[in-house]
Amino acid sequence: MIIKILGAGCSKCDKLQNNLEKVLRESDINAELVNVEELKEIVAYGVMTTPALVVDEKVVSVGKVLSVKELKKILNI
């Protein structure tokens, strides 16, 4: 599984990453976590508001800091 956080390193992006790392640690999921900060790459996903979350090349959330509970639901944990 490849999970990408789209965003330019803002505080919301950092919070989303922290929540995601917590979920991955607690669930012992083997996933590659990638930060995409380049605007051209972010726009290529059709995203205009960050942070955004992409799981296996599918955009699953835009413009929201997902909670641990929401992330678990998205990742089917």
PDB file of N, CA and C in Angstrom:
ATOM      1  N   MET A   1       0.847  -1.173   0.000  1.00  0.00           N
ATOM      2  CA  MET A   1       0.000   0.000   0.000  1.00  0.00           C
ATOM      3  C   MET A   1       0.892   1.235   0.000  1.00  0.00           C
ATOM      4  N   ILE A   2       0.545   2.185  -0.871  1.00  0.00           N
ATOM      5  CA  ILE A   2       1.264   3.450  -0.922  1.00  0.00           C
ATOM      6  C   ILE A   2       0.288   4.559  -0.537  1.00  0.00           C
ATOM      7  N   ILE A   3       0.653   5.304   0.496  1.00  0.00           N
ATOM      8  CA  ILE A   3      -0.190   6.389   0.995  1.00  0.00           C
ATOM      9  C   ILE A   3       0.569   7.693   0.807  1.00  0.00           C
ATOM     10  N   LYS A   4      -0.103   8.654   0.150  1.00  0.00           N
ATOM     11  CA  LYS A   4       0.524   9.946  -0.098  1.00  0.00           C
ATOM     12  C   LYS A   4      -0.247  11.043   0.601  1.00  0.00           C
ATOM     13  N   ILE A   5       0.506  11.947   1.227  1.00  0.00           N
ATOM     14  CA  ILE A   5      -0.075  13.154   1.794  1.00  0.00           C
ATOM     15  C   ILE A   5       0.313  14.291   0.864  1.00  0.00           C
ATOM     16  N   LEU A   6      -0.697  14.932   0.293  1.00  0.00           N
ATOM     17  CA  LEU A   6      -0.459  16.032  -0.614  1.00  0.00           C
ATOM     18  C   LEU A   6      -0.575  17.336   0.157  1.00  0.00           C
ATOM     19  N   GLY A   7       0.478  18.129   0.142  1.00  0.00           N
ATOM     20  CA  GLY A   7       0.461  19.412   0.842  1.00  0.00           C
ATOM     21  C   GLY A   7       1.865  19.950   1.001  1.00  0.00           C
ATOM     22  N   ALA A   8       1.937  21.256   1.174  1.00  0.00           N
ATOM     23  CA  ALA A   8       3.234  21.934   1.206  1.00  0.00           C
ATOM     24  C   ALA A   8       3.834  22.031   2.606  1.00  0.00           C
ATOM     25  N   GLY A   9       3.569  21.068   3.451  1.00  0.00           N
ATOM     26  CA  GLY A   9       4.185  21.053   4.772  1.00  0.00           C
ATOM     27  C   GLY A   9       3.545  22.006   5.769  1.00  0.00           C
ATOM     28  N   CYS A  10       2.284  22.328   5.582  1.00  0.00           N
ATOM     29  CA  CYS A  10       1.579  23.217   6.506  1.00  0.00           C
ATOM     30  C   CYS A  10       1.264  22.478   7.817  1.00  0.00           C
ATOM     31  N   SER A  11       0.777  23.193   8.792  1.00  0.00           N
ATOM     32  CA  SER A  11       0.482  22.572  10.086  1.00  0.00           C
ATOM     33  C   SER A  11      -0.611  21.505   9.960  1.00  0.00           C
ATOM     34  N   LYS A  12      -1.585  21.724   9.080  1.00  0.00           N
ATOM     35  CA  LYS A  12      -2.633  20.714   8.875  1.00  0.00           C
ATOM     36  C   LYS A  12      -2.054  19.451   8.243  1.00  0.00           C
ATOM     37  N   CYS A  13      -1.123  19.643   7.325  1.00  0.00           N
ATOM     38  CA  CYS A  13      -0.464  18.496   6.694  1.00  0.00           C
ATOM     39  C   CYS A  13       0.317  17.696   7.735  1.00  0.00           C
ATOM     40  N   ASP A  14       1.007  18.410   8.610  1.00  0.00           N
ATOM     41  CA  ASP A  14       1.776  17.759   9.670  1.00  0.00           C
ATOM     42  C   ASP A  14       0.866  16.981  10.613  1.00  0.00           C
ATOM     43  N   LYS A  15      -0.280  17.551  10.969  1.00  0.00           N
ATOM     44  CA  LYS A  15      -1.231  16.890  11.864  1.00  0.00           C
ATOM     45  C   LYS A  15      -1.787  15.627  11.206  1.00  0.00           C
ATOM     46  N   LEU A  16      -2.124  15.721   9.908  1.00  0.00           N
ATOM     47  CA  LEU A  16      -2.606  14.544   9.183  1.00  0.00           C
ATOM     48  C   LEU A  16      -1.543  13.459   9.169  1.00  0.00           C
ATOM     49  N   GLN A  17      -0.294  13.845   8.931  1.00  0.00           N
ATOM     50  CA  GLN A  17       0.783  12.862   8.913  1.00  0.00           C
ATOM     51  C   GLN A  17       0.954  12.215  10.285  1.00  0.00           C
ATOM     52  N   ASN A  18       0.897  13.002  11.349  1.00  0.00           N
ATOM     53  CA  ASN A  18       1.015  12.443  12.697  1.00  0.00           C
ATOM     54  C   ASN A  18      -0.098  11.437  12.970  1.00  0.00           C
ATOM     55  N   ASN A  19      -1.331  11.784  12.606  1.00  0.00           N
ATOM     56  CA  ASN A  19      -2.464  10.870  12.810  1.00  0.00           C
ATOM     57  C   ASN A  19      -2.281   9.594  11.991  1.00  0.00           C
ATOM     58  N   LEU A  20      -1.829   9.749  10.767  1.00  0.00           N
ATOM     59  CA  LEU A  20      -1.620   8.590   9.901  1.00  0.00           C
ATOM     60  C   LEU A  20      -0.519   7.685  10.435  1.00  0.00           C
ATOM     61  N   GLU A  21       0.582   8.269  10.877  1.00  0.00           N
ATOM     62  CA  GLU A  21       1.669   7.470  11.438  1.00  0.00           C
ATOM     63  C   GLU A  21       1.208   6.714  12.674  1.00  0.00           C
ATOM     64  N   LYS A  22       0.357   7.342  13.488  1.00  0.00           N
ATOM     65  CA  LYS A  22      -0.179   6.667  14.676  1.00  0.00           C
ATOM     66  C   LYS A  22      -1.020   5.459  14.269  1.00  0.00           C
ATOM     67  N   VAL A  23      -1.866   5.627  13.275  1.00  0.00           N
ATOM     68  CA  VAL A  23      -2.712   4.521  12.801  1.00  0.00           C
ATOM     69  C   VAL A  23      -1.844   3.389  12.262  1.00  0.00           C
ATOM     70  N   LEU A  24      -0.855   3.712  11.476  1.00  0.00           N
ATOM     71  CA  LEU A  24       0.011   2.684  10.902  1.00  0.00           C
ATOM     72  C   LEU A  24       0.782   1.936  11.983  1.00  0.00           C
ATOM     73  N   ARG A  25       1.273   2.665  13.001  1.00  0.00           N
ATOM     74  CA  ARG A  25       1.990   2.013  14.112  1.00  0.00           C
ATOM     75  C   ARG A  25       1.066   1.083  14.879  1.00  0.00           C
ATOM     76  N   GLU A  26      -0.116   1.592  15.243  1.00  0.00           N
ATOM     77  CA  GLU A  26      -1.039   0.816  16.067  1.00  0.00           C
ATOM     78  C   GLU A  26      -1.581  -0.407  15.324  1.00  0.00           C
ATOM     79  N   SER A  27      -1.729  -0.301  14.026  1.00  0.00           N
ATOM     80  CA  SER A  27      -2.346  -1.365  13.245  1.00  0.00           C
ATOM     81  C   SER A  27      -1.331  -2.294  12.607  1.00  0.00           C
ATOM     82  N   ASP A  28      -0.060  -1.959  12.747  1.00  0.00           N
ATOM     83  CA  ASP A  28       1.021  -2.766  12.182  1.00  0.00           C
ATOM     84  C   ASP A  28       0.815  -3.003  10.686  1.00  0.00           C
ATOM     85  N   ILE A  29       0.427  -1.931   9.978  1.00  0.00           N
ATOM     86  CA  ILE A  29       0.220  -2.012   8.539  1.00  0.00           C
ATOM     87  C   ILE A  29       1.527  -1.683   7.842  1.00  0.00           C
ATOM     88  N   ASN A  30       1.845  -2.476   6.822  1.00  0.00           N
ATOM     89  CA  ASN A  30       3.032  -2.227   6.031  1.00  0.00           C
ATOM     90  C   ASN A  30       2.641  -1.311   4.872  1.00  0.00           C
ATOM     91  N   ALA A  31       2.960  -0.040   4.988  1.00  0.00           N
ATOM     92  CA  ALA A  31       2.619   0.931   3.955  1.00  0.00           C
ATOM     93  C   ALA A  31       3.778   1.877   3.739  1.00  0.00           C
ATOM     94  N   GLU A  32       3.905   2.324   2.504  1.00  0.00           N
ATOM     95  CA  GLU A  32       4.904   3.335   2.181  1.00  0.00           C
ATOM     96  C   GLU A  32       4.229   4.695   2.280  1.00  0.00           C
ATOM     97  N   LEU A  33       4.785   5.575   3.079  1.00  0.00           N
ATOM     98  CA  LEU A  33       4.227   6.906   3.289  1.00  0.00           C
ATOM     99  C   LEU A  33       5.062   7.912   2.511  1.00  0.00           C
ATOM    100  N   VAL A  34       4.390   8.667   1.625  1.00  0.00           N
ATOM    101  CA  VAL A  34       5.078   9.616   0.756  1.00  0.00           C
ATOM    102  C   VAL A  34       4.467  11.003   0.944  1.00  0.00           C
ATOM    103  N   ASN A  35       5.321  12.002   1.090  1.00  0.00           N
ATOM    104  CA  ASN A  35       4.863  13.392   1.146  1.00  0.00           C
ATOM    105  C   ASN A  35       5.061  14.010  -0.230  1.00  0.00           C
ATOM    106  N   VAL A  36       3.991  14.560  -0.763  1.00  0.00           N
ATOM    107  CA  VAL A  36       4.055  15.230  -2.059  1.00  0.00           C
ATOM    108  C   VAL A  36       3.854  16.721  -1.794  1.00  0.00           C
ATOM    109  N   GLU A  37       4.896  17.498  -2.001  1.00  0.00           N
ATOM    110  CA  GLU A  37       4.845  18.922  -1.688  1.00  0.00           C
ATOM    111  C   GLU A  37       4.886  19.808  -2.921  1.00  0.00           C
ATOM    112  N   GLU A  38       5.229  19.249  -4.063  1.00  0.00           N
ATOM    113  CA  GLU A  38       5.344  20.048  -5.282  1.00  0.00           C
ATOM    114  C   GLU A  38       3.955  20.324  -5.865  1.00  0.00           C
ATOM    115  N   LEU A  39       3.664  21.608  -6.073  1.00  0.00           N
ATOM    116  CA  LEU A  39       2.348  22.045  -6.524  1.00  0.00           C
ATOM    117  C   LEU A  39       1.914  21.373  -7.821  1.00  0.00           C
ATOM    118  N   LYS A  40       2.822  21.210  -8.735  1.00  0.00           N
ATOM    119  CA  LYS A  40       2.498  20.584 -10.026  1.00  0.00           C
ATOM    120  C   LYS A  40       1.985  19.146  -9.828  1.00  0.00           C
ATOM    121  N   GLU A  41       2.621  18.410  -8.932  1.00  0.00           N
ATOM    122  CA  GLU A  41       2.202  17.037  -8.646  1.00  0.00           C
ATOM    123  C   GLU A  41       0.852  17.011  -7.940  1.00  0.00           C
ATOM    124  N   ILE A  42       0.637  17.944  -7.011  1.00  0.00           N
ATOM    125  CA  ILE A  42      -0.626  18.009  -6.267  1.00  0.00           C
ATOM    126  C   ILE A  42      -1.775  18.288  -7.225  1.00  0.00           C
ATOM    127  N   VAL A  43      -1.599  19.272  -8.106  1.00  0.00           N
ATOM    128  CA  VAL A  43      -2.640  19.641  -9.072  1.00  0.00           C
ATOM    129  C   VAL A  43      -2.916  18.491 -10.043  1.00  0.00           C
ATOM    130  N   ALA A  44      -1.910  17.683 -10.340  1.00  0.00           N
ATOM    131  CA  ALA A  44      -2.090  16.542 -11.239  1.00  0.00           C
ATOM    132  C   ALA A  44      -3.123  15.543 -10.694  1.00  0.00           C
ATOM    133  N   TYR A  45      -3.314  15.537  -9.377  1.00  0.00           N
ATOM    134  CA  TYR A  45      -4.335  14.680  -8.771  1.00  0.00           C
ATOM    135  C   TYR A  45      -5.716  15.342  -8.783  1.00  0.00           C
ATOM    136  N   GLY A  46      -5.796  16.575  -9.275  1.00  0.00           N
ATOM    137  CA  GLY A  46      -7.056  17.305  -9.284  1.00  0.00           C
ATOM    138  C   GLY A  46      -7.363  17.961  -7.952  1.00  0.00           C
ATOM    139  N   VAL A  47      -6.355  18.069  -7.113  1.00  0.00           N
ATOM    140  CA  VAL A  47      -6.524  18.613  -5.764  1.00  0.00           C
ATOM    141  C   VAL A  47      -6.199  20.109  -5.767  1.00  0.00           C
ATOM    142  N   MET A  48      -7.127  20.894  -5.217  1.00  0.00           N
ATOM    143  CA  MET A  48      -6.907  22.338  -5.117  1.00  0.00           C
ATOM    144  C   MET A  48      -6.809  22.806  -3.665  1.00  0.00           C
ATOM    145  N   THR A  49      -7.162  21.939  -2.725  1.00  0.00           N
ATOM    146  CA  THR A  49      -7.129  22.267  -1.307  1.00  0.00           C
ATOM    147  C   THR A  49      -6.359  21.181  -0.574  1.00  0.00           C
ATOM    148  N   THR A  50      -5.400  21.593   0.252  1.00  0.00           N
ATOM    149  CA  THR A  50      -4.627  20.623   1.016  1.00  0.00           C
ATOM    150  C   THR A  50      -4.966  20.742   2.491  1.00  0.00           C
ATOM    151  N   PRO A  51      -4.682  19.741   3.280  1.00  0.00           N
ATOM    152  CA  PRO A  51      -4.036  18.497   2.902  1.00  0.00           C
ATOM    153  C   PRO A  51      -5.000  17.560   2.175  1.00  0.00           C
ATOM    154  N   ALA A  52      -4.416  16.689   1.387  1.00  0.00           N
ATOM    155  CA  ALA A  52      -5.194  15.653   0.711  1.00  0.00           C
ATOM    156  C   ALA A  52      -4.507  14.319   0.974  1.00  0.00           C
ATOM    157  N   LEU A  53      -5.305  13.269   0.921  1.00  0.00           N
ATOM    158  CA  LEU A  53      -4.784  11.927   1.175  1.00  0.00           C
ATOM    159  C   LEU A  53      -5.073  11.052  -0.038  1.00  0.00           C
ATOM    160  N   VAL A  54      -4.035  10.359  -0.498  1.00  0.00           N
ATOM    161  CA  VAL A  54      -4.145   9.474  -1.651  1.00  0.00           C
ATOM    162  C   VAL A  54      -3.711   8.082  -1.201  1.00  0.00           C
ATOM    163  N   VAL A  55      -4.572   7.097  -1.425  1.00  0.00           N
ATOM    164  CA  VAL A  55      -4.251   5.713  -1.071  1.00  0.00           C
ATOM    165  C   VAL A  55      -4.236   4.901  -2.363  1.00  0.00           C
ATOM    166  N   ASP A  56      -3.083   4.323  -2.663  1.00  0.00           N
ATOM    167  CA  ASP A  56      -2.903   3.552  -3.890  1.00  0.00           C
ATOM    168  C   ASP A  56      -3.437   4.304  -5.110  1.00  0.00           C
ATOM    169  N   GLU A  57      -3.014   5.558  -5.229  1.00  0.00           N
ATOM    170  CA  GLU A  57      -3.319   6.449  -6.351  1.00  0.00           C
ATOM    171  C   GLU A  57      -4.786   6.874  -6.451  1.00  0.00           C
ATOM    172  N   LYS A  58      -5.564   6.674  -5.396  1.00  0.00           N
ATOM    173  CA  LYS A  58      -6.949   7.139  -5.364  1.00  0.00           C
ATOM    174  C   LYS A  58      -7.068   8.233  -4.295  1.00  0.00           C
ATOM    175  N   VAL A  59      -7.546   9.403  -4.696  1.00  0.00           N
ATOM    176  CA  VAL A  59      -7.743  10.505  -3.746  1.00  0.00           C
ATOM    177  C   VAL A  59      -8.926  10.152  -2.850  1.00  0.00           C
ATOM    178  N   VAL A  60      -8.687  10.076  -1.543  1.00  0.00           N
ATOM    179  CA  VAL A  60      -9.740   9.675  -0.604  1.00  0.00           C
ATOM    180  C   VAL A  60     -10.185  10.798   0.327  1.00  0.00           C
ATOM    181  N   SER A  61      -9.422  11.892   0.382  1.00  0.00           N
ATOM    182  CA  SER A  61      -9.783  13.015   1.233  1.00  0.00           C
ATOM    183  C   SER A  61      -9.086  14.271   0.738  1.00  0.00           C
ATOM    184  N   VAL A  62      -9.820  15.395   0.790  1.00  0.00           N
ATOM    185  CA  VAL A  62      -9.266  16.676   0.342  1.00  0.00           C
ATOM    186  C   VAL A  62      -9.648  17.766   1.335  1.00  0.00           C
ATOM    187  N   GLY A  63      -8.654  18.560   1.736  1.00  0.00           N
ATOM    188  CA  GLY A  63      -8.904  19.744   2.550  1.00  0.00           C
ATOM    189  C   GLY A  63      -9.315  19.497   3.979  1.00  0.00           C
ATOM    190  N   LYS A  64      -8.966  18.336   4.507  1.00  0.00           N
ATOM    191  CA  LYS A  64      -9.408  17.989   5.859  1.00  0.00           C
ATOM    192  C   LYS A  64      -8.306  17.237   6.596  1.00  0.00           C
ATOM    193  N   VAL A  65      -8.163  17.553   7.885  1.00  0.00           N
ATOM    194  CA  VAL A  65      -7.276  16.760   8.741  1.00  0.00           C
ATOM    195  C   VAL A  65      -8.117  15.622   9.296  1.00  0.00           C
ATOM    196  N   LEU A  66      -7.867  14.435   8.793  1.00  0.00           N
ATOM    197  CA  LEU A  66      -8.635  13.262   9.235  1.00  0.00           C
ATOM    198  C   LEU A  66      -8.190  12.826  10.620  1.00  0.00           C
ATOM    199  N   SER A  67      -9.162  12.438  11.425  1.00  0.00           N
ATOM    200  CA  SER A  67      -8.861  11.924  12.757  1.00  0.00           C
ATOM    201  C   SER A  67      -8.343  10.488  12.639  1.00  0.00           C
ATOM    202  N   VAL A  68      -7.821   9.979  13.728  1.00  0.00           N
ATOM    203  CA  VAL A  68      -7.357   8.596  13.762  1.00  0.00           C
ATOM    204  C   VAL A  68      -8.515   7.664  13.414  1.00  0.00           C
ATOM    205  N   LYS A  69      -9.685   7.926  13.969  1.00  0.00           N
ATOM    206  CA  LYS A  69     -10.864   7.093  13.708  1.00  0.00           C
ATOM    207  C   LYS A  69     -11.238   7.119  12.222  1.00  0.00           C
ATOM    208  N   GLU A  70     -11.221   8.315  11.616  1.00  0.00           N
ATOM    209  CA  GLU A  70     -11.553   8.424  10.201  1.00  0.00           C
ATOM    210  C   GLU A  70     -10.532   7.707   9.322  1.00  0.00           C
ATOM    211  N   LEU A  71      -9.258   7.825   9.681  1.00  0.00           N
ATOM    212  CA  LEU A  71      -8.217   7.144   8.919  1.00  0.00           C
ATOM    213  C   LEU A  71      -8.369   5.625   8.997  1.00  0.00           C
ATOM    214  N   LYS A  72      -8.707   5.126  10.176  1.00  0.00           N
ATOM    215  CA  LYS A  72      -8.914   3.681  10.319  1.00  0.00           C
ATOM    216  C   LYS A  72     -10.054   3.205   9.419  1.00  0.00           C
ATOM    217  N   LYS A  73     -11.110   4.005   9.338  1.00  0.00           N
ATOM    218  CA  LYS A  73     -12.254   3.646   8.500  1.00  0.00           C
ATOM    219  C   LYS A  73     -11.843   3.631   7.029  1.00  0.00           C
ATOM    220  N   ILE A  74     -11.108   4.639   6.590  1.00  0.00           N
ATOM    221  CA  ILE A  74     -10.659   4.718   5.196  1.00  0.00           C
ATOM    222  C   ILE A  74      -9.748   3.548   4.855  1.00  0.00           C
ATOM    223  N   LEU A  75      -8.883   3.159   5.784  1.00  0.00           N
ATOM    224  CA  LEU A  75      -7.929   2.072   5.548  1.00  0.00           C
ATOM    225  C   LEU A  75      -8.509   0.696   5.887  1.00  0.00           C
ATOM    226  N   ASN A  76      -9.795   0.659   6.235  1.00  0.00           N
ATOM    227  CA  ASN A  76     -10.491  -0.593   6.566  1.00  0.00           C
ATOM    228  C   ASN A  76      -9.846  -1.346   7.718  1.00  0.00           C
ATOM    229  N   ILE A  77      -9.596  -0.619   8.804  1.00  0.00           N
ATOM    230  CA  ILE A  77      -8.970  -1.239   9.980  1.00  0.00           C
ATOM    231  C   ILE A  77     -10.015  -1.358  11.063  1.00  0.00           C
TER     232      ILE A  77
END
